[in-house]
């Protein structure tokens, strides 16, 4: 897949016309359209759906990314990375309770991964300062 020469490469493409998360700075909209086409052609492909979600997240299209990652965690509840990304898009939208719940699911999937605990702690601390939040 060739994109015009603008920007610097962030990811690479692969053979056989499949799309791995490829992007060039300034080309995310074009890449998003290609991933949408792949998801439309292959609606059962978790691979293509995940790449679309990553692309939406990279563009700060959090509501759309939320819908994609919600589908992914429903399809593959054992995917640590999908739970983390789901928690991230929820947190970016100030959906703190839901974000904490998603991060907690990630911890359930991989209890030995320290990164999620580091991500969830500030959310809990910030939320606990809010008068309408109970842990």
Foldseek 3Di string as FASTA:
>chain_A
DDDPDDADWDDDADPPPDGQQTDGVVCLVVSLVVLVVVCVVPVPDLRSLVSNLVSCVVVLVLVVSLVSLVVNCVVPVLDLVSLQSNLVSCVSVVVLVVSLVSLVSSCVNPVVDCPSVVVNVVSVVVQVVDPPDDD
